Amino acid sequence: MPKGYLIGHITVTDPEAYREYVVRDTPIFERHGGRFVVRGGASLVPEGTSHERHVVIEFPSYAAAQAAYNDPEYQEVAEIRRRTSEGVIILVEGTE
């Protein structure tokens, strides 16, 4: 069964308030089997434009990634992200 991924491309607009999101999202994603593969860190955009921060969370399946994103507790926490940053969240199925 292919793994699932949640990919976020984020530009934080209120770093102090955004920290609460980072602390509160982790246990929710972990409860759904999520594992952070990328969480911030150095990046280079050799083509096009992008947000400043990148996150990749690997899940056991695409369904698990969807369940994590749709979890009511996560959606409550996601409101913090929406207020304190701009970005794109993508759910994608892996190749294997």
PDB file of N, CA and C in Angstrom:
ATOM      1  N   MET A   1       0.857  -1.178   0.000  1.00  0.00           N
ATOM      2  CA  MET A   1       0.000   0.000   0.000  1.00  0.00           C
ATOM      3  C   MET A   1       0.900   1.238   0.000  1.00  0.00           C
ATOM      4  N   PRO A   2       0.648   2.172  -0.901  1.00  0.00           N
ATOM      5  CA  PRO A   2       1.457   3.401  -0.946  1.00  0.00           C
ATOM      6  C   PRO A   2       1.265   4.248   0.306  1.00  0.00           C
ATOM      7  N   LYS A   3       2.346   4.884   0.701  1.00  0.00           N
ATOM      8  CA  LYS A   3       2.272   5.819   1.824  1.00  0.00           C
ATOM      9  C   LYS A   3       1.581   7.091   1.379  1.00  0.00           C
ATOM     10  N   GLY A   4       1.167   7.874   2.345  1.00  0.00           N
ATOM     11  CA  GLY A   4       0.561   9.170   2.067  1.00  0.00           C
ATOM     12  C   GLY A   4       1.427  10.266   2.659  1.00  0.00           C
ATOM     13  N   TYR A   5       1.325  11.447   2.088  1.00  0.00           N
ATOM     14  CA  TYR A   5       2.144  12.570   2.536  1.00  0.00           C
ATOM     15  C   TYR A   5       1.302  13.826   2.656  1.00  0.00           C
ATOM     16  N   LEU A   6       1.582  14.580   3.693  1.00  0.00           N
ATOM     17  CA  LEU A   6       1.055  15.927   3.826  1.00  0.00           C
ATOM     18  C   LEU A   6       2.256  16.840   3.582  1.00  0.00           C
ATOM     19  N   ILE A   7       2.128  17.719   2.602  1.00  0.00           N
ATOM     20  CA  ILE A   7       3.200  18.639   2.243  1.00  0.00           C
ATOM     21  C   ILE A   7       2.686  20.051   2.473  1.00  0.00           C
ATOM     22  N   GLY A   8       3.450  20.824   3.192  1.00  0.00           N
ATOM     23  CA  GLY A   8       3.090  22.212   3.446  1.00  0.00           C
ATOM     24  C   GLY A   8       4.188  23.142   2.970  1.00  0.00           C
ATOM     25  N   HIS A   9       3.794  24.183   2.287  1.00  0.00           N
ATOM     26  CA  HIS A   9       4.702  25.259   1.890  1.00  0.00           C
ATOM     27  C   HIS A   9       4.151  26.511   2.572  1.00  0.00           C
ATOM     28  N   ILE A  10       4.901  27.065   3.507  1.00  0.00           N
ATOM     29  CA  ILE A  10       4.379  28.060   4.439  1.00  0.00           C
ATOM     30  C   ILE A  10       5.306  29.269   4.520  1.00  0.00           C
ATOM     31  N   THR A  11       4.712  30.446   4.608  1.00  0.00           N
ATOM     32  CA  THR A  11       5.423  31.660   4.991  1.00  0.00           C
ATOM     33  C   THR A  11       4.785  32.147   6.279  1.00  0.00           C
ATOM     34  N   VAL A  12       5.541  32.113   7.352  1.00  0.00           N
ATOM     35  CA  VAL A  12       5.036  32.501   8.670  1.00  0.00           C
ATOM     36  C   VAL A  12       4.980  34.022   8.753  1.00  0.00           C
ATOM     37  N   THR A  13       3.829  34.550   9.163  1.00  0.00           N
ATOM     38  CA  THR A  13       3.654  36.001   9.295  1.00  0.00           C
ATOM     39  C   THR A  13       3.688  36.467  10.745  1.00  0.00           C
ATOM     40  N   ASP A  14       3.500  35.539  11.689  1.00  0.00           N
ATOM     41  CA  ASP A  14       3.547  35.856  13.119  1.00  0.00           C
ATOM     42  C   ASP A  14       4.292  34.721  13.822  1.00  0.00           C
ATOM     43  N   PRO A  15       5.632  34.760  13.826  1.00  0.00           N
ATOM     44  CA  PRO A  15       6.426  33.648  14.358  1.00  0.00           C
ATOM     45  C   PRO A  15       6.106  33.282  15.809  1.00  0.00           C
ATOM     46  N   GLU A  16       5.875  34.256  16.638  1.00  0.00           N
ATOM     47  CA  GLU A  16       5.598  33.979  18.050  1.00  0.00           C
ATOM     48  C   GLU A  16       4.319  33.145  18.201  1.00  0.00           C
ATOM     49  N   ALA A  17       3.257  33.550  17.550  1.00  0.00           N
ATOM     50  CA  ALA A  17       1.989  32.830  17.646  1.00  0.00           C
ATOM     51  C   ALA A  17       2.039  31.494  16.905  1.00  0.00           C
ATOM     52  N   TYR A  18       2.822  31.393  15.845  1.00  0.00           N
ATOM     53  CA  TYR A  18       2.931  30.166  15.048  1.00  0.00           C
ATOM     54  C   TYR A  18       3.521  29.023  15.870  1.00  0.00           C
ATOM     55  N   ARG A  19       4.358  29.357  16.846  1.00  0.00           N
ATOM     56  CA  ARG A  19       4.983  28.315  17.678  1.00  0.00           C
ATOM     57  C   ARG A  19       3.946  27.414  18.347  1.00  0.00           C
ATOM     58  N   GLU A  20       2.824  27.994  18.741  1.00  0.00           N
ATOM     59  CA  GLU A  20       1.771  27.178  19.365  1.00  0.00           C
ATOM     60  C   GLU A  20       1.264  26.119  18.394  1.00  0.00           C
ATOM     61  N   TYR A  21       1.125  26.477  17.130  1.00  0.00           N
ATOM     62  CA  TYR A  21       0.691  25.511  16.114  1.00  0.00           C
ATOM     63  C   TYR A  21       1.678  24.357  16.024  1.00  0.00           C
ATOM     64  N   VAL A  22       2.959  24.667  15.962  1.00  0.00           N
ATOM     65  CA  VAL A  22       3.989  23.636  15.830  1.00  0.00           C
ATOM     66  C   VAL A  22       3.946  22.671  17.014  1.00  0.00           C
ATOM     67  N   VAL A  23       3.755  23.186  18.211  1.00  0.00           N
ATOM     68  CA  VAL A  23       3.698  22.337  19.404  1.00  0.00           C
ATOM     69  C   VAL A  23       2.448  21.466  19.399  1.00  0.00           C
ATOM     70  N   ARG A  24       1.323  22.029  18.990  1.00  0.00           N
ATOM     71  CA  ARG A  24       0.051  21.307  19.092  1.00  0.00           C
ATOM     72  C   ARG A  24      -0.230  20.372  17.928  1.00  0.00           C
ATOM     73  N   ASP A  25       0.346  20.617  16.746  1.00  0.00           N
ATOM     74  CA  ASP A  25       0.043  19.739  15.611  1.00  0.00           C
ATOM     75  C   ASP A  25       0.755  18.394  15.700  1.00  0.00           C
ATOM     76  N   THR A  26       1.955  18.381  16.276  1.00  0.00           N
ATOM     77  CA  THR A  26       2.790  17.176  16.288  1.00  0.00           C
ATOM     78  C   THR A  26       2.090  15.963  16.894  1.00  0.00           C
ATOM     79  N   PRO A  27       1.534  16.030  18.107  1.00  0.00           N
ATOM     80  CA  PRO A  27       0.905  14.822  18.661  1.00  0.00           C
ATOM     81  C   PRO A  27      -0.299  14.344  17.852  1.00  0.00           C
ATOM     82  N   ILE A  28      -0.990  15.244  17.209  1.00  0.00           N
ATOM     83  CA  ILE A  28      -2.145  14.843  16.390  1.00  0.00           C
ATOM     84  C   ILE A  28      -1.667  14.032  15.196  1.00  0.00           C
ATOM     85  N   PHE A  29      -0.656  14.541  14.493  1.00  0.00           N
ATOM     86  CA  PHE A  29      -0.126  13.817  13.332  1.00  0.00           C
ATOM     87  C   PHE A  29       0.484  12.483  13.747  1.00  0.00           C
ATOM     88  N   GLU A  30       1.202  12.466  14.863  1.00  0.00           N
ATOM     89  CA  GLU A  30       1.804  11.222  15.337  1.00  0.00           C
ATOM     90  C   GLU A  30       0.741  10.186  15.682  1.00  0.00           C
ATOM     91  N   ARG A  31      -0.379  10.626  16.218  1.00  0.00           N
ATOM     92  CA  ARG A  31      -1.478   9.715  16.548  1.00  0.00           C
ATOM     93  C   ARG A  31      -2.024   9.024  15.293  1.00  0.00           C
ATOM     94  N   HIS A  32      -1.892   9.664  14.145  1.00  0.00           N
ATOM     95  CA  HIS A  32      -2.333   9.085  12.870  1.00  0.00           C
ATOM     96  C   HIS A  32      -1.196   8.364  12.150  1.00  0.00           C
ATOM     97  N   GLY A  33      -0.084   8.154  12.835  1.00  0.00           N
ATOM     98  CA  GLY A  33       1.053   7.446  12.242  1.00  0.00           C
ATOM     99  C   GLY A  33       1.993   8.347  11.466  1.00  0.00           C
ATOM    100  N   GLY A  34       1.835   9.657  11.605  1.00  0.00           N
ATOM    101  CA  GLY A  34       2.665  10.605  10.862  1.00  0.00           C
ATOM    102  C   GLY A  34       4.076  10.701  11.405  1.00  0.00           C
ATOM    103  N   ARG A  35       5.003  10.906  10.476  1.00  0.00           N
ATOM    104  CA  ARG A  35       6.419  11.078  10.807  1.00  0.00           C
ATOM    105  C   ARG A  35       6.949  12.244   9.987  1.00  0.00           C
ATOM    106  N   PHE A  36       7.496  13.244  10.679  1.00  0.00           N
ATOM    107  CA  PHE A  36       8.037  14.405   9.974  1.00  0.00           C
ATOM    108  C   PHE A  36       9.308  14.004   9.243  1.00  0.00           C
ATOM    109  N   VAL A  37       9.309  14.178   7.928  1.00  0.00           N
ATOM    110  CA  VAL A  37      10.470  13.910   7.098  1.00  0.00           C
ATOM    111  C   VAL A  37      11.227  15.219   6.863  1.00  0.00           C
ATOM    112  N   VAL A  38      10.486  16.289   6.686  1.00  0.00           N
ATOM    113  CA  VAL A  38      11.035  17.635   6.519  1.00  0.00           C
ATOM    114  C   VAL A  38      10.217  18.559   7.403  1.00  0.00           C
ATOM    115  N   ARG A  39      10.910  19.410   8.157  1.00  0.00           N
ATOM    116  CA  ARG A  39      10.193  20.390   8.983  1.00  0.00           C
ATOM    117  C   ARG A  39      11.058  21.638   9.089  1.00  0.00           C
ATOM    118  N   GLY A  40      10.853  22.547   8.131  1.00  0.00           N
ATOM    119  CA  GLY A  40      11.694  23.738   8.094  1.00  0.00           C
ATOM    120  C   GLY A  40      13.050  23.378   7.524  1.00  0.00           C
ATOM    121  N   GLY A  41      14.074  23.984   8.038  1.00  0.00           N
ATOM    122  CA  GLY A  41      15.424  23.692   7.576  1.00  0.00           C
ATOM    123  C   GLY A  41      15.779  24.496   6.333  1.00  0.00           C
ATOM    124  N   ALA A  42      17.033  24.399   5.963  1.00  0.00           N
ATOM    125  CA  ALA A  42      17.539  25.136   4.805  1.00  0.00           C
ATOM    126  C   ALA A  42      16.868  24.626   3.532  1.00  0.00           C
ATOM    127  N   SER A  43      16.605  25.541   2.621  1.00  0.00           N
ATOM    128  CA  SER A  43      16.044  25.148   1.325  1.00  0.00           C
ATOM    129  C   SER A  43      16.529  26.116   0.255  1.00  0.00           C
ATOM    130  N   LEU A  44      16.457  25.664  -0.966  1.00  0.00           N
ATOM    131  CA  LEU A  44      16.876  26.445  -2.116  1.00  0.00           C
ATOM    132  C   LEU A  44      15.795  26.288  -3.179  1.00  0.00           C
ATOM    133  N   VAL A  45      15.402  27.360  -3.794  1.00  0.00           N
ATOM    134  CA  VAL A  45      14.398  27.323  -4.858  1.00  0.00           C
ATOM    135  C   VAL A  45      15.114  27.702  -6.157  1.00  0.00           C
ATOM    136  N   PRO A  46      15.640  26.710  -6.905  1.00  0.00           N
ATOM    137  CA  PRO A  46      16.387  27.025  -8.107  1.00  0.00           C
ATOM    138  C   PRO A  46      15.516  27.475  -9.286  1.00  0.00           C
ATOM    139  N   GLU A  47      14.213  27.222  -9.208  1.00  0.00           N
ATOM    140  CA  GLU A  47      13.295  27.657 -10.263  1.00  0.00           C
ATOM    141  C   GLU A  47      11.969  28.060  -9.641  1.00  0.00           C
ATOM    142  N   GLY A  48      11.348  29.083 -10.168  1.00  0.00           N
ATOM    143  CA  GLY A  48      10.028  29.504  -9.721  1.00  0.00           C
ATOM    144  C   GLY A  48      10.067  30.258  -8.407  1.00  0.00           C
ATOM    145  N   THR A  49       8.899  30.339  -7.775  1.00  0.00           N
ATOM    146  CA  THR A  49       8.772  31.015  -6.492  1.00  0.00           C
ATOM    147  C   THR A  49       8.196  30.039  -5.478  1.00  0.00           C
ATOM    148  N   SER A  50       8.420  30.310  -4.226  1.00  0.00           N
ATOM    149  CA  SER A  50       7.964  29.397  -3.189  1.00  0.00           C
ATOM    150  C   SER A  50       7.763  30.147  -1.884  1.00  0.00           C
ATOM    151  N   HIS A  51       7.127  29.480  -0.947  1.00  0.00           N
ATOM    152  CA  HIS A  51       7.034  29.987   0.410  1.00  0.00           C
ATOM    153  C   HIS A  51       8.362  29.725   1.114  1.00  0.00           C
ATOM    154  N   GLU A  52       8.518  30.248   2.324  1.00  0.00           N
ATOM    155  CA  GLU A  52       9.794  30.198   3.037  1.00  0.00           C
ATOM    156  C   GLU A  52      10.053  28.889   3.777  1.00  0.00           C
ATOM    157  N   ARG A  53       9.003  28.210   4.216  1.00  0.00           N
ATOM    158  CA  ARG A  53       9.149  27.032   5.074  1.00  0.00           C
ATOM    159  C   ARG A  53       8.487  25.844   4.384  1.00  0.00           C
ATOM    160  N   HIS A  54       9.096  24.680   4.512  1.00  0.00           N
ATOM    161  CA  HIS A  54       8.564  23.474   3.872  1.00  0.00           C
ATOM    162  C   HIS A  54       8.456  22.357   4.901  1.00  0.00           C
ATOM    163  N   VAL A  55       7.363  21.617   4.822  1.00  0.00           N
ATOM    164  CA  VAL A  55       7.105  20.517   5.745  1.00  0.00           C
ATOM    165  C   VAL A  55       6.612  19.321   4.933  1.00  0.00           C
ATOM    166  N   VAL A  56       7.163  18.162   5.229  1.00  0.00           N
ATOM    167  CA  VAL A  56       6.687  16.909   4.624  1.00  0.00           C
ATOM    168  C   VAL A  56       6.469  15.931   5.768  1.00  0.00           C
ATOM    169  N   ILE A  57       5.244  15.421   5.866  1.00  0.00           N
ATOM    170  CA  ILE A  57       4.901  14.432   6.890  1.00  0.00           C
ATOM    171  C   ILE A  57       4.493  13.157   6.170  1.00  0.00           C
ATOM    172  N   GLU A  58       5.145  12.066   6.509  1.00  0.00           N
ATOM    173  CA  GLU A  58       4.856  10.765   5.901  1.00  0.00           C
ATOM    174  C   GLU A  58       3.869  10.005   6.789  1.00  0.00           C
ATOM    175  N   PHE A  59       2.862   9.402   6.154  1.00  0.00           N
ATOM    176  CA  PHE A  59       1.865   8.598   6.849  1.00  0.00           C
ATOM    177  C   PHE A  59       1.874   7.182   6.281  1.00  0.00           C
ATOM    178  N   PRO A  60       1.353   6.223   7.034  1.00  0.00           N
ATOM    179  CA  PRO A  60       1.342   4.839   6.548  1.00  0.00           C
ATOM    180  C   PRO A  60       0.549   4.649   5.256  1.00  0.00           C
ATOM    181  N   SER A  61      -0.406   5.552   4.994  1.00  0.00           N
ATOM    182  CA  SER A  61      -1.233   5.446   3.790  1.00  0.00           C
ATOM    183  C   SER A  61      -1.800   6.821   3.433  1.00  0.00           C
ATOM    184  N   TYR A  62      -2.298   6.927   2.226  1.00  0.00           N
ATOM    185  CA  TYR A  62      -2.955   8.154   1.787  1.00  0.00           C
ATOM    186  C   TYR A  62      -4.196   8.413   2.647  1.00  0.00           C
ATOM    187  N   ALA A  63      -4.924   7.338   2.981  1.00  0.00           N
ATOM    188  CA  ALA A  63      -6.113   7.476   3.833  1.00  0.00           C
ATOM    189  C   ALA A  63      -5.734   8.010   5.218  1.00  0.00           C
ATOM    190  N   ALA A  64      -4.592   7.581   5.747  1.00  0.00           N
ATOM    191  CA  ALA A  64      -4.153   8.073   7.057  1.00  0.00           C
ATOM    192  C   ALA A  64      -3.798   9.559   6.980  1.00  0.00           C
ATOM    193  N   ALA A  65      -3.188   9.988   5.878  1.00  0.00           N
ATOM    194  CA  ALA A  65      -2.869  11.413   5.701  1.00  0.00           C
ATOM    195  C   ALA A  65      -4.153  12.231   5.649  1.00  0.00           C
ATOM    196  N   GLN A  66      -5.154  11.729   4.927  1.00  0.00           N
ATOM    197  CA  GLN A  66      -6.438  12.433   4.843  1.00  0.00           C
ATOM    198  C   GLN A  66      -7.115  12.479   6.212  1.00  0.00           C
ATOM    199  N   ALA A  67      -7.062  11.358   6.930  1.00  0.00           N
ATOM    200  CA  ALA A  67      -7.693  11.310   8.258  1.00  0.00           C
ATOM    201  C   ALA A  67      -7.025  12.289   9.211  1.00  0.00           C
ATOM    202  N   ALA A  68      -5.710  12.406   9.147  1.00  0.00           N
ATOM    203  CA  ALA A  68      -4.998  13.345  10.016  1.00  0.00           C
ATOM    204  C   ALA A  68      -5.410  14.773   9.700  1.00  0.00           C
ATOM    205  N   TYR A  69      -5.437  15.121   8.423  1.00  0.00           N
ATOM    206  CA  TYR A  69      -5.805  16.482   8.033  1.00  0.00           C
ATOM    207  C   TYR A  69      -7.247  16.794   8.435  1.00  0.00           C
ATOM    208  N   ASN A  70      -8.133  15.836   8.264  1.00  0.00           N
ATOM    209  CA  ASN A  70      -9.561  16.044   8.542  1.00  0.00           C
ATOM    210  C   ASN A  70      -9.935  15.852  10.007  1.00  0.00           C
ATOM    211  N   ASP A  71      -9.007  15.414  10.827  1.00  0.00           N
ATOM    212  CA  ASP A  71      -9.266  15.228  12.252  1.00  0.00           C
ATOM    213  C   ASP A  71      -9.783  16.548  12.834  1.00  0.00           C
ATOM    214  N   PRO A  72     -10.934  16.538  13.504  1.00  0.00           N
ATOM    215  CA  PRO A  72     -11.478  17.777  14.063  1.00  0.00           C
ATOM    216  C   PRO A  72     -10.505  18.501  15.001  1.00  0.00           C
ATOM    217  N   GLU A  73      -9.725  17.727  15.760  1.00  0.00           N
ATOM    218  CA  GLU A  73      -8.750  18.361  16.647  1.00  0.00           C
ATOM    219  C   GLU A  73      -7.678  19.091  15.824  1.00  0.00           C
ATOM    220  N   TYR A  74      -7.228  18.465  14.719  1.00  0.00           N
ATOM    221  CA  TYR A  74      -6.247  19.153  13.869  1.00  0.00           C
ATOM    222  C   TYR A  74      -6.858  20.399  13.229  1.00  0.00           C
ATOM    223  N   GLN A  75      -8.082  20.297  12.762  1.00  0.00           N
ATOM    224  CA  GLN A  75      -8.709  21.459  12.123  1.00  0.00           C
ATOM    225  C   GLN A  75      -8.816  22.636  13.084  1.00  0.00           C
ATOM    226  N   GLU A  76      -9.022  22.336  14.362  1.00  0.00           N
ATOM    227  CA  GLU A  76      -9.030  23.401  15.374  1.00  0.00           C
ATOM    228  C   GLU A  76      -7.648  24.046  15.475  1.00  0.00           C
ATOM    229  N   VAL A  77      -6.611  23.218  15.529  1.00  0.00           N
ATOM    230  CA  VAL A  77      -5.233  23.718  15.611  1.00  0.00           C
ATOM    231  C   VAL A  77      -4.832  24.416  14.307  1.00  0.00           C
ATOM    232  N   ALA A  78      -5.311  23.919  13.184  1.00  0.00           N
ATOM    233  CA  ALA A  78      -4.975  24.515  11.886  1.00  0.00           C
ATOM    234  C   ALA A  78      -5.417  25.972  11.791  1.00  0.00           C
ATOM    235  N   GLU A  79      -6.421  26.346  12.563  1.00  0.00           N
ATOM    236  CA  GLU A  79      -6.849  27.748  12.571  1.00  0.00           C
ATOM    237  C   GLU A  79      -5.718  28.665  13.043  1.00  0.00           C
ATOM    238  N   ILE A  80      -4.872  28.161  13.925  1.00  0.00           N
ATOM    239  CA  ILE A  80      -3.704  28.939  14.356  1.00  0.00           C
ATOM    240  C   ILE A  80      -2.788  29.170  13.163  1.00  0.00           C
ATOM    241  N   ARG A  81      -2.525  28.096  12.399  1.00  0.00           N
ATOM    242  CA  ARG A  81      -1.681  28.217  11.202  1.00  0.00           C
ATOM    243  C   ARG A  81      -2.285  29.198  10.213  1.00  0.00           C
ATOM    244  N   ARG A  82      -3.564  29.107  10.009  1.00  0.00           N
ATOM    245  CA  ARG A  82      -4.229  29.985   9.034  1.00  0.00           C
ATOM    246  C   ARG A  82      -4.146  31.459   9.442  1.00  0.00           C
ATOM    247  N   ARG A  83      -4.172  31.725  10.757  1.00  0.00           N
ATOM    248  CA  ARG A  83      -4.084  33.103  11.257  1.00  0.00           C
ATOM    249  C   ARG A  83      -2.662  33.646  11.254  1.00  0.00           C
ATOM    250  N   THR A  84      -1.672  32.762  11.363  1.00  0.00           N
ATOM    251  CA  THR A  84      -0.302  33.204  11.595  1.00  0.00           C
ATOM    252  C   THR A  84       0.639  32.950  10.421  1.00  0.00           C
ATOM    253  N   SER A  85       0.081  32.503   9.290  1.00  0.00           N
ATOM    254  CA  SER A  85       0.923  32.205   8.136  1.00  0.00           C
ATOM    255  C   SER A  85       0.084  32.225   6.860  1.00  0.00           C
ATOM    256  N   GLU A  86       0.797  32.189   5.757  1.00  0.00           N
ATOM    257  CA  GLU A  86       0.175  32.004   4.438  1.00  0.00           C
ATOM    258  C   GLU A  86       0.809  30.756   3.852  1.00  0.00           C
ATOM    259  N   GLY A  87       0.045  30.003   3.091  1.00  0.00           N
ATOM    260  CA  GLY A  87       0.672  28.823   2.526  1.00  0.00           C
ATOM    261  C   GLY A  87      -0.264  27.925   1.765  1.00  0.00           C
ATOM    262  N   VAL A  88       0.288  26.769   1.434  1.00  0.00           N
ATOM    263  CA  VAL A  88      -0.406  25.738   0.671  1.00  0.00           C
ATOM    264  C   VAL A  88      -0.204  24.417   1.401  1.00  0.00           C
ATOM    265  N   ILE A  89      -1.267  23.651   1.550  1.00  0.00           N
ATOM    266  CA  ILE A  89      -1.192  22.310   2.125  1.00  0.00           C
ATOM    267  C   ILE A  89      -1.640  21.338   1.033  1.00  0.00           C
ATOM    268  N   ILE A  90      -0.850  20.298   0.815  1.00  0.00           N
ATOM    269  CA  ILE A  90      -1.127  19.312  -0.226  1.00  0.00           C
ATOM    270  C   ILE A  90      -1.141  17.932   0.400  1.00  0.00           C
ATOM    271  N   LEU A  91      -2.117  17.119   0.069  1.00  0.00           N
ATOM    272  CA  LEU A  91      -2.138  15.705   0.448  1.00  0.00           C
ATOM    273  C   LEU A  91      -1.855  14.921  -0.818  1.00  0.00           C
ATOM    274  N   VAL A  92      -0.914  13.984  -0.730  1.00  0.00           N
ATOM    275  CA  VAL A  92      -0.518  13.248  -1.935  1.00  0.00           C
ATOM    276  C   VAL A  92      -0.228  11.786  -1.596  1.00  0.00           C
ATOM    277  N   GLU A  93      -0.554  10.915  -2.536  1.00  0.00           N
ATOM    278  CA  GLU A  93      -0.266   9.492  -2.391  1.00  0.00           C
ATOM    279  C   GLU A  93       1.126   9.208  -2.945  1.00  0.00           C
ATOM    280  N   GLY A  94       1.896   8.397  -2.209  1.00  0.00           N
ATOM    281  CA  GLY A  94       3.234   8.029  -2.651  1.00  0.00           C
ATOM    282  C   GLY A  94       3.197   6.989  -3.763  1.00  0.00           C
ATOM    283  N   THR A  95       4.357   6.603  -4.237  1.00  0.00           N
ATOM    284  CA  THR A  95       4.444   5.665  -5.357  1.00  0.00           C
ATOM    285  C   THR A  95       4.365   4.210  -4.941  1.00  0.00           C
ATOM    286  N   GLU A  96       4.727   3.902  -3.730  1.00  0.00           N
ATOM    287  CA  GLU A  96       4.662   2.518  -3.258  1.00  0.00           C
ATOM    288  C   GLU A  96       4.239   2.463  -1.829  1.00  0.00           C
TER     289      GLU A  96
END
